[in-house]
Amino acid sequence: MAYVNRGSALYGLRKFKDALEDLGHAIHLAPEDPLAYEGRANVYDKMGELAKALADYDTAARLDKGNPEIYFNRAIALHSHHRDDEAIEDMGKVLALRQSVAAYEYRGYLLLRTGRRAQAISDYRSALRAARSASERNEVEGRLWDLGEEPR
């Protein structure tokens, strides 16, 4: 776990080569640790190595099927490489595991980018229902107003 923690810290400092080294050690020591694979996938994504990132996200998801964060991070990686339909699919997996304002909003954004306005509005309305704070509600309402839709 120490290598995962240090690798995550190095990732935050944008020391990607060092982060990869620590996360690789973590995987070698505990090959069934999904956090190590997810962390390394995040690093690979930032380095522009999507194939390696996706392989590690897939391994992390296989090891921890119930962790929505893995699918959320993979969706972000897919979107950053213009694979929005796959990213939308992953956000669906996130939402199947946990209703989340952030996941509804992100999927809504992706749906808008791919020309599916009605579905995007539906997701923004779901985000509004899931919102737990005034700031979350205000943010989602703003997105709906921007689309010319009255929040309900």
N, C-alpha and C. Protein backbone atom coordinates (compact mmCIF):
# COMPACT_ATOMS: atom_id res chain seq x y z
N MET A 1 0.82 -1.20 0.00
CA MET A 1 0.00 0.00 0.00
C MET A 1 0.86 1.26 0.00
N ALA A 2 2.04 1.17 0.60
CA ALA A 2 2.92 2.34 0.65
C ALA A 2 3.31 2.79 -0.76
N TYR A 3 3.58 1.82 -1.64
CA TYR A 3 3.93 2.19 -3.02
C TYR A 3 2.75 2.83 -3.74
N VAL A 4 1.54 2.36 -3.47
CA VAL A 4 0.36 2.96 -4.10
C VAL A 4 0.21 4.40 -3.62
N ASN A 5 0.34 4.61 -2.33
CA ASN A 5 0.20 5.96 -1.78
C ASN A 5 1.26 6.90 -2.32
N ARG A 6 2.51 6.43 -2.35
CA ARG A 6 3.57 7.30 -2.85
C ARG A 6 3.40 7.52 -4.36
N GLY A 7 3.02 6.47 -5.08
CA GLY A 7 2.77 6.63 -6.51
C GLY A 7 1.67 7.64 -6.79
N SER A 8 0.63 7.61 -5.97
CA SER A 8 -0.47 8.58 -6.12
C SER A 8 0.01 10.00 -5.82
N ALA A 9 0.85 10.13 -4.80
CA ALA A 9 1.39 11.45 -4.47
C ALA A 9 2.28 11.96 -5.60
N LEU A 10 3.10 11.10 -6.15
CA LEU A 10 3.97 11.49 -7.26
C LEU A 10 3.15 11.87 -8.49
N TYR A 11 2.06 11.16 -8.72
CA TYR A 11 1.13 11.49 -9.81
C TYR A 11 0.61 12.91 -9.62
N GLY A 12 0.20 13.22 -8.38
CA GLY A 12 -0.29 14.55 -8.08
C GLY A 12 0.75 15.63 -8.31
N LEU A 13 2.00 15.28 -8.15
CA LEU A 13 3.11 16.21 -8.39
C LEU A 13 3.55 16.22 -9.86
N ARG A 14 2.85 15.42 -10.67
CA ARG A 14 3.14 15.30 -12.10
C ARG A 14 4.51 14.69 -12.37
N LYS A 15 4.97 13.86 -11.45
CA LYS A 15 6.23 13.12 -11.63
C LYS A 15 5.84 11.72 -12.12
N PHE A 16 5.43 11.67 -13.37
CA PHE A 16 4.81 10.48 -13.91
C PHE A 16 5.75 9.28 -13.98
N LYS A 17 6.99 9.49 -14.37
CA LYS A 17 7.92 8.37 -14.46
C LYS A 17 8.12 7.73 -13.08
N ASP A 18 8.31 8.56 -12.06
CA ASP A 18 8.48 8.05 -10.70
C ASP A 18 7.21 7.37 -10.20
N ALA A 19 6.05 7.95 -10.55
CA ALA A 19 4.77 7.35 -10.15
C ALA A 19 4.61 5.97 -10.78
N LEU A 20 4.96 5.86 -12.06
CA LEU A 20 4.86 4.56 -12.74
C LEU A 20 5.76 3.53 -12.06
N GLU A 21 6.94 3.94 -11.66
CA GLU A 21 7.86 3.02 -11.00
C GLU A 21 7.26 2.50 -9.69
N ASP A 22 6.74 3.41 -8.87
CA ASP A 22 6.16 2.99 -7.59
C ASP A 22 4.92 2.13 -7.79
N LEU A 23 4.08 2.51 -8.71
CA LEU A 23 2.86 1.74 -8.95
C LEU A 23 3.19 0.37 -9.54
N GLY A 24 4.23 0.30 -10.35
CA GLY A 24 4.69 -0.99 -10.86
C GLY A 24 5.18 -1.89 -9.74
N HIS A 25 5.90 -1.30 -8.78
CA HIS A 25 6.34 -2.07 -7.60
C HIS A 25 5.12 -2.57 -6.82
N ALA A 26 4.13 -1.71 -6.66
CA ALA A 26 2.92 -2.08 -5.92
C ALA A 26 2.23 -3.27 -6.60
N ILE A 27 2.15 -3.24 -7.91
CA ILE A 27 1.51 -4.33 -8.65
C ILE A 27 2.32 -5.61 -8.53
N HIS A 28 3.64 -5.48 -8.58
CA HIS A 28 4.49 -6.66 -8.43
C HIS A 28 4.30 -7.30 -7.06
N LEU A 29 4.18 -6.46 -6.02
CA LEU A 29 4.03 -6.98 -4.65
C LEU A 29 2.62 -7.47 -4.34
N ALA A 30 1.63 -6.85 -4.96
CA ALA A 30 0.23 -7.22 -4.70
C ALA A 30 -0.55 -7.18 -6.01
N PRO A 31 -0.40 -8.21 -6.85
CA PRO A 31 -1.01 -8.19 -8.18
C PRO A 31 -2.54 -8.22 -8.18
N GLU A 32 -3.15 -8.36 -7.04
CA GLU A 32 -4.62 -8.35 -6.95
C GLU A 32 -5.15 -7.04 -6.38
N ASP A 33 -4.31 -6.01 -6.31
CA ASP A 33 -4.71 -4.71 -5.74
C ASP A 33 -5.25 -3.80 -6.85
N PRO A 34 -6.57 -3.60 -6.90
CA PRO A 34 -7.14 -2.79 -7.98
C PRO A 34 -6.69 -1.33 -7.92
N LEU A 35 -6.40 -0.82 -6.72
CA LEU A 35 -5.98 0.59 -6.61
C LEU A 35 -4.66 0.85 -7.32
N ALA A 36 -3.77 -0.13 -7.29
CA ALA A 36 -2.48 0.03 -7.97
C ALA A 36 -2.69 0.11 -9.49
N TYR A 37 -3.55 -0.74 -10.01
CA TYR A 37 -3.82 -0.72 -11.45
C TYR A 37 -4.54 0.57 -11.85
N GLU A 38 -5.49 0.98 -11.03
CA GLU A 38 -6.22 2.22 -11.35
C GLU A 38 -5.27 3.41 -11.32
N GLY A 39 -4.41 3.45 -10.31
CA GLY A 39 -3.44 4.54 -10.21
C GLY A 39 -2.52 4.58 -11.42
N ARG A 40 -2.01 3.39 -11.80
CA ARG A 40 -1.11 3.34 -12.95
C ARG A 40 -1.86 3.72 -14.23
N ALA A 41 -3.12 3.31 -14.33
CA ALA A 41 -3.93 3.70 -15.50
C ALA A 41 -4.06 5.21 -15.59
N ASN A 42 -4.29 5.86 -14.45
CA ASN A 42 -4.39 7.33 -14.45
C ASN A 42 -3.10 7.96 -14.95
N VAL A 43 -1.96 7.40 -14.54
CA VAL A 43 -0.66 7.93 -14.98
C VAL A 43 -0.50 7.73 -16.49
N TYR A 44 -0.76 6.51 -16.94
CA TYR A 44 -0.64 6.24 -18.37
C TYR A 44 -1.53 7.19 -19.18
N ASP A 45 -2.74 7.43 -18.69
CA ASP A 45 -3.64 8.34 -19.40
C ASP A 45 -3.02 9.72 -19.52
N LYS A 46 -2.48 10.24 -18.44
CA LYS A 46 -1.88 11.58 -18.47
C LYS A 46 -0.67 11.63 -19.38
N MET A 47 -0.02 10.48 -19.57
CA MET A 47 1.14 10.42 -20.45
C MET A 47 0.73 10.19 -21.91
N GLY A 48 -0.58 10.06 -22.16
CA GLY A 48 -1.07 9.87 -23.51
C GLY A 48 -0.99 8.44 -24.01
N GLU A 49 -0.80 7.49 -23.11
CA GLU A 49 -0.69 6.08 -23.49
C GLU A 49 -2.01 5.37 -23.19
N LEU A 50 -2.99 5.64 -24.06
CA LEU A 50 -4.35 5.17 -23.82
C LEU A 50 -4.45 3.65 -23.77
N ALA A 51 -3.78 2.95 -24.66
CA ALA A 51 -3.89 1.48 -24.68
C ALA A 51 -3.44 0.89 -23.35
N LYS A 52 -2.34 1.38 -22.82
CA LYS A 52 -1.86 0.89 -21.53
C LYS A 52 -2.81 1.30 -20.41
N ALA A 53 -3.33 2.52 -20.49
CA ALA A 53 -4.28 2.98 -19.47
C ALA A 53 -5.53 2.10 -19.47
N LEU A 54 -6.07 1.83 -20.65
CA LEU A 54 -7.29 1.02 -20.73
C LEU A 54 -7.05 -0.40 -20.23
N ALA A 55 -5.89 -0.95 -20.54
CA ALA A 55 -5.58 -2.31 -20.05
C ALA A 55 -5.57 -2.32 -18.52
N ASP A 56 -4.98 -1.30 -17.90
CA ASP A 56 -4.96 -1.26 -16.44
C ASP A 56 -6.33 -0.95 -15.85
N TYR A 57 -7.11 -0.09 -16.50
CA TYR A 57 -8.48 0.15 -16.02
C TYR A 57 -9.29 -1.14 -16.10
N ASP A 58 -9.11 -1.89 -17.18
CA ASP A 58 -9.83 -3.16 -17.32
C ASP A 58 -9.46 -4.13 -16.21
N THR A 59 -8.17 -4.21 -15.90
CA THR A 59 -7.73 -5.09 -14.82
C THR A 59 -8.30 -4.63 -13.48
N ALA A 60 -8.26 -3.34 -13.22
CA ALA A 60 -8.80 -2.80 -11.97
C ALA A 60 -10.29 -3.11 -11.86
N ALA A 61 -11.03 -2.94 -12.97
CA ALA A 61 -12.47 -3.21 -12.96
C ALA A 61 -12.75 -4.69 -12.74
N ARG A 62 -11.92 -5.56 -13.31
CA ARG A 62 -12.09 -7.00 -13.10
C ARG A 62 -11.86 -7.36 -11.63
N LEU A 63 -10.90 -6.70 -11.01
CA LEU A 63 -10.57 -6.99 -9.61
C LEU A 63 -11.56 -6.37 -8.63
N ASP A 64 -12.19 -5.28 -9.02
CA ASP A 64 -13.12 -4.56 -8.13
C ASP A 64 -14.32 -4.08 -8.93
N LYS A 65 -15.19 -5.02 -9.30
CA LYS A 65 -16.32 -4.72 -10.18
C LYS A 65 -17.28 -3.67 -9.62
N GLY A 66 -17.31 -3.52 -8.32
CA GLY A 66 -18.26 -2.62 -7.70
C GLY A 66 -17.74 -1.22 -7.44
N ASN A 67 -16.59 -0.87 -8.00
CA ASN A 67 -16.00 0.45 -7.74
C ASN A 67 -16.31 1.41 -8.88
N PRO A 68 -17.27 2.32 -8.69
CA PRO A 68 -17.64 3.22 -9.77
C PRO A 68 -16.53 4.18 -10.18
N GLU A 69 -15.60 4.46 -9.28
CA GLU A 69 -14.52 5.40 -9.59
C GLU A 69 -13.66 4.91 -10.76
N ILE A 70 -13.48 3.60 -10.85
CA ILE A 70 -12.68 3.04 -11.95
C ILE A 70 -13.34 3.37 -13.28
N TYR A 71 -14.65 3.15 -13.37
CA TYR A 71 -15.37 3.43 -14.62
C TYR A 71 -15.42 4.93 -14.90
N PHE A 72 -15.53 5.73 -13.84
CA PHE A 72 -15.55 7.19 -14.01
C PHE A 72 -14.22 7.65 -14.61
N ASN A 73 -13.12 7.19 -14.03
CA ASN A 73 -11.81 7.60 -14.53
C ASN A 73 -11.56 7.08 -15.95
N ARG A 74 -12.02 5.86 -16.23
CA ARG A 74 -11.86 5.34 -17.58
C ARG A 74 -12.67 6.16 -18.57
N ALA A 75 -13.86 6.59 -18.17
CA ALA A 75 -14.67 7.44 -19.06
C ALA A 75 -13.97 8.75 -19.37
N ILE A 76 -13.35 9.34 -18.38
CA ILE A 76 -12.61 10.59 -18.61
C ILE A 76 -11.46 10.35 -19.59
N ALA A 77 -10.75 9.23 -19.40
CA ALA A 77 -9.65 8.90 -20.32
C ALA A 77 -10.18 8.70 -21.74
N LEU A 78 -11.26 7.96 -21.87
CA LEU A 78 -11.83 7.72 -23.20
C LEU A 78 -12.25 9.04 -23.85
N HIS A 79 -12.90 9.90 -23.09
CA HIS A 79 -13.32 11.19 -23.64
C HIS A 79 -12.11 12.02 -24.09
N SER A 80 -11.04 11.99 -23.31
CA SER A 80 -9.88 12.80 -23.67
C SER A 80 -9.23 12.31 -24.97
N HIS A 81 -9.59 11.11 -25.39
CA HIS A 81 -9.09 10.57 -26.66
C HIS A 81 -10.22 10.47 -27.69
N HIS A 82 -11.26 11.28 -27.48
CA HIS A 82 -12.36 11.44 -28.43
C HIS A 82 -13.15 10.15 -28.66
N ARG A 83 -13.27 9.35 -27.63
CA ARG A 83 -14.05 8.11 -27.71
C ARG A 83 -15.28 8.27 -26.80
N ASP A 84 -16.12 9.23 -27.19
CA ASP A 84 -17.24 9.64 -26.33
C ASP A 84 -18.30 8.57 -26.17
N ASP A 85 -18.59 7.80 -27.19
CA ASP A 85 -19.62 6.77 -27.05
C ASP A 85 -19.22 5.74 -25.98
N GLU A 86 -17.95 5.37 -25.98
CA GLU A 86 -17.46 4.43 -24.96
C GLU A 86 -17.48 5.09 -23.57
N ALA A 87 -17.16 6.38 -23.54
CA ALA A 87 -17.18 7.11 -22.26
C ALA A 87 -18.61 7.16 -21.71
N ILE A 88 -19.58 7.36 -22.59
CA ILE A 88 -20.99 7.38 -22.18
C ILE A 88 -21.38 6.01 -21.60
N GLU A 89 -20.91 4.96 -22.23
CA GLU A 89 -21.19 3.60 -21.74
C GLU A 89 -20.61 3.41 -20.33
N ASP A 90 -19.39 3.88 -20.12
CA ASP A 90 -18.78 3.76 -18.79
C ASP A 90 -19.53 4.59 -17.75
N MET A 91 -20.01 5.77 -18.14
CA MET A 91 -20.79 6.57 -17.18
C MET A 91 -22.08 5.85 -16.82
N GLY A 92 -22.63 5.09 -17.74
CA GLY A 92 -23.79 4.27 -17.43
C GLY A 92 -23.46 3.23 -16.37
N LYS A 93 -22.25 2.66 -16.45
CA LYS A 93 -21.81 1.70 -15.43
C LYS A 93 -21.65 2.38 -14.08
N VAL A 94 -21.12 3.59 -14.09
CA VAL A 94 -20.99 4.35 -12.84
C VAL A 94 -22.37 4.52 -12.21
N LEU A 95 -23.32 4.96 -13.02
CA LEU A 95 -24.65 5.25 -12.50
C LEU A 95 -25.40 3.99 -12.08
N ALA A 96 -25.08 2.86 -12.68
CA ALA A 96 -25.69 1.60 -12.25
C ALA A 96 -25.18 1.20 -10.86
N LEU A 97 -23.98 1.64 -10.53
CA LEU A 97 -23.39 1.32 -9.23
C LEU A 97 -23.72 2.35 -8.16
N ARG A 98 -23.81 3.63 -8.58
CA ARG A 98 -24.05 4.70 -7.61
C ARG A 98 -24.61 5.93 -8.32
N GLN A 99 -25.75 6.38 -7.86
CA GLN A 99 -26.33 7.60 -8.40
C GLN A 99 -25.45 8.77 -7.95
N SER A 100 -24.98 9.55 -8.89
CA SER A 100 -24.03 10.61 -8.58
C SER A 100 -24.31 11.82 -9.46
N VAL A 101 -24.34 12.97 -8.84
CA VAL A 101 -24.53 14.21 -9.59
C VAL A 101 -23.44 14.36 -10.63
N ALA A 102 -22.19 14.12 -10.22
CA ALA A 102 -21.06 14.28 -11.14
C ALA A 102 -21.19 13.35 -12.35
N ALA A 103 -21.60 12.12 -12.13
CA ALA A 103 -21.73 11.17 -13.24
C ALA A 103 -22.87 11.57 -14.18
N TYR A 104 -24.00 11.99 -13.63
CA TYR A 104 -25.10 12.45 -14.49
C TYR A 104 -24.66 13.68 -15.29
N GLU A 105 -23.98 14.61 -14.62
CA GLU A 105 -23.54 15.82 -15.32
C GLU A 105 -22.54 15.49 -16.43
N TYR A 106 -21.58 14.63 -16.12
CA TYR A 106 -20.55 14.31 -17.11
C TYR A 106 -21.17 13.57 -18.29
N ARG A 107 -22.06 12.61 -17.99
CA ARG A 107 -22.70 11.90 -19.10
C ARG A 107 -23.56 12.86 -19.90
N GLY A 108 -24.24 13.79 -19.21
CA GLY A 108 -25.02 14.79 -19.93
C GLY A 108 -24.16 15.61 -20.88
N TYR A 109 -23.00 16.01 -20.40
CA TYR A 109 -22.06 16.76 -21.24
C TYR A 109 -21.65 15.93 -22.46
N LEU A 110 -21.33 14.65 -22.23
CA LEU A 110 -20.93 13.78 -23.34
C LEU A 110 -22.08 13.58 -24.33
N LEU A 111 -23.28 13.43 -23.79
CA LEU A 111 -24.44 13.27 -24.67
C LEU A 111 -24.65 14.51 -25.54
N LEU A 112 -24.47 15.68 -24.95
CA LEU A 112 -24.58 16.92 -25.74
C LEU A 112 -23.54 16.94 -26.85
N ARG A 113 -22.32 16.57 -26.52
CA ARG A 113 -21.22 16.57 -27.51
C ARG A 113 -21.52 15.64 -28.67
N THR A 114 -22.29 14.60 -28.42
CA THR A 114 -22.58 13.62 -29.47
C THR A 114 -23.97 13.83 -30.09
N GLY A 115 -24.56 15.00 -29.83
CA GLY A 115 -25.81 15.37 -30.48
C GLY A 115 -27.07 14.78 -29.88
N ARG A 116 -26.99 14.30 -28.67
CA ARG A 116 -28.16 13.68 -28.03
C ARG A 116 -28.71 14.62 -26.95
N ARG A 117 -29.26 15.72 -27.40
CA ARG A 117 -29.71 16.78 -26.50
C ARG A 117 -30.78 16.33 -25.52
N ALA A 118 -31.79 15.63 -26.01
CA ALA A 118 -32.89 15.20 -25.13
C ALA A 118 -32.38 14.28 -24.02
N GLN A 119 -31.47 13.38 -24.37
CA GLN A 119 -30.92 12.49 -23.35
C GLN A 119 -30.06 13.28 -22.36
N ALA A 120 -29.34 14.27 -22.87
CA ALA A 120 -28.51 15.11 -22.00
C ALA A 120 -29.39 15.85 -21.00
N ILE A 121 -30.48 16.42 -21.47
CA ILE A 121 -31.40 17.14 -20.59
C ILE A 121 -31.96 16.20 -19.54
N SER A 122 -32.28 14.99 -19.95
CA SER A 122 -32.77 13.99 -19.00
C SER A 122 -31.73 13.72 -17.91
N ASP A 123 -30.47 13.59 -18.31
CA ASP A 123 -29.41 13.37 -17.32
C ASP A 123 -29.24 14.57 -16.40
N TYR A 124 -29.32 15.77 -16.95
CA TYR A 124 -29.21 16.95 -16.10
C TYR A 124 -30.38 17.02 -15.11
N ARG A 125 -31.56 16.62 -15.54
CA ARG A 125 -32.69 16.59 -14.61
C ARG A 125 -32.48 15.53 -13.53
N SER A 126 -31.91 14.39 -13.91
CA SER A 126 -31.58 13.36 -12.91
C SER A 126 -30.52 13.88 -11.93
N ALA A 127 -29.56 14.62 -12.45
CA ALA A 127 -28.53 15.21 -11.57
C ALA A 127 -29.18 16.17 -10.59
N LEU A 128 -30.15 16.93 -11.07
CA LEU A 128 -30.85 17.87 -10.20
C LEU A 128 -31.59 17.14 -9.08
N ARG A 129 -32.23 16.04 -9.41
CA ARG A 129 -32.92 15.24 -8.39
C ARG A 129 -31.94 14.62 -7.39
N ALA A 130 -30.75 14.28 -7.86
CA ALA A 130 -29.75 13.65 -6.99
C ALA A 130 -28.96 14.66 -6.17
N ALA A 131 -29.05 15.93 -6.53
CA ALA A 131 -28.28 16.97 -5.85
C ALA A 131 -28.64 17.03 -4.37
N ARG A 132 -27.62 17.12 -3.54
CA ARG A 132 -27.83 17.15 -2.10
C ARG A 132 -27.55 18.52 -1.49
N SER A 133 -26.91 19.39 -2.23
CA SER A 133 -26.57 20.69 -1.68
C SER A 133 -27.08 21.79 -2.61
N ALA A 134 -27.17 22.98 -2.07
CA ALA A 134 -27.61 24.12 -2.87
C ALA A 134 -26.62 24.40 -3.99
N SER A 135 -25.34 24.24 -3.73
CA SER A 135 -24.35 24.51 -4.79
C SER A 135 -24.48 23.50 -5.93
N GLU A 136 -24.73 22.23 -5.60
CA GLU A 136 -24.95 21.24 -6.67
C GLU A 136 -26.19 21.59 -7.47
N ARG A 137 -27.28 21.92 -6.77
CA ARG A 137 -28.52 22.28 -7.46
C ARG A 137 -28.31 23.50 -8.36
N ASN A 138 -27.63 24.51 -7.84
CA ASN A 138 -27.41 25.73 -8.63
C ASN A 138 -26.60 25.44 -9.88
N GLU A 139 -25.59 24.59 -9.76
CA GLU A 139 -24.75 24.26 -10.92
C GLU A 139 -25.57 23.55 -11.99
N VAL A 140 -26.35 22.57 -11.58
CA VAL A 140 -27.15 21.81 -12.55
C VAL A 140 -28.25 22.68 -13.14
N GLU A 141 -28.88 23.49 -12.32
CA GLU A 141 -29.90 24.41 -12.84
C GLU A 141 -29.29 25.33 -13.90
N GLY A 142 -28.07 25.79 -13.64
CA GLY A 142 -27.38 26.65 -14.62
C GLY A 142 -27.17 25.95 -15.94
N ARG A 143 -26.84 24.68 -15.89
CA ARG A 143 -26.65 23.91 -17.14
C ARG A 143 -27.97 23.82 -17.91
N LEU A 144 -29.06 23.59 -17.17
CA LEU A 144 -30.36 23.51 -17.83
C LEU A 144 -30.77 24.86 -18.42
N TRP A 145 -30.57 25.93 -17.65
CA TRP A 145 -30.89 27.27 -18.18
C TRP A 145 -30.06 27.56 -19.44
N ASP A 146 -28.77 27.16 -19.43
CA ASP A 146 -27.91 27.37 -20.60
C ASP A 146 -28.46 26.68 -21.84
N LEU A 147 -29.19 25.59 -21.62
CA LEU A 147 -29.79 24.86 -22.75
C LEU A 147 -31.19 25.36 -23.09
N GLY A 148 -31.61 26.43 -22.41
CA GLY A 148 -32.94 26.98 -22.65
C GLY A 148 -34.04 26.18 -22.00
N GLU A 149 -33.67 25.39 -21.02
CA GLU A 149 -34.64 24.54 -20.31
C GLU A 149 -34.86 25.08 -18.90
N GLU A 150 -36.12 25.09 -18.51
CA GLU A 150 -36.43 25.54 -17.15
C GLU A 150 -36.25 24.37 -16.18
N PRO A 151 -35.45 24.56 -15.15
CA PRO A 151 -35.32 23.49 -14.16
C PRO A 151 -36.66 23.25 -13.50
N ARG A 152 -36.96 22.00 -13.24
CA ARG A 152 -38.23 21.69 -12.57
C ARG A 152 -37.94 21.18 -11.19
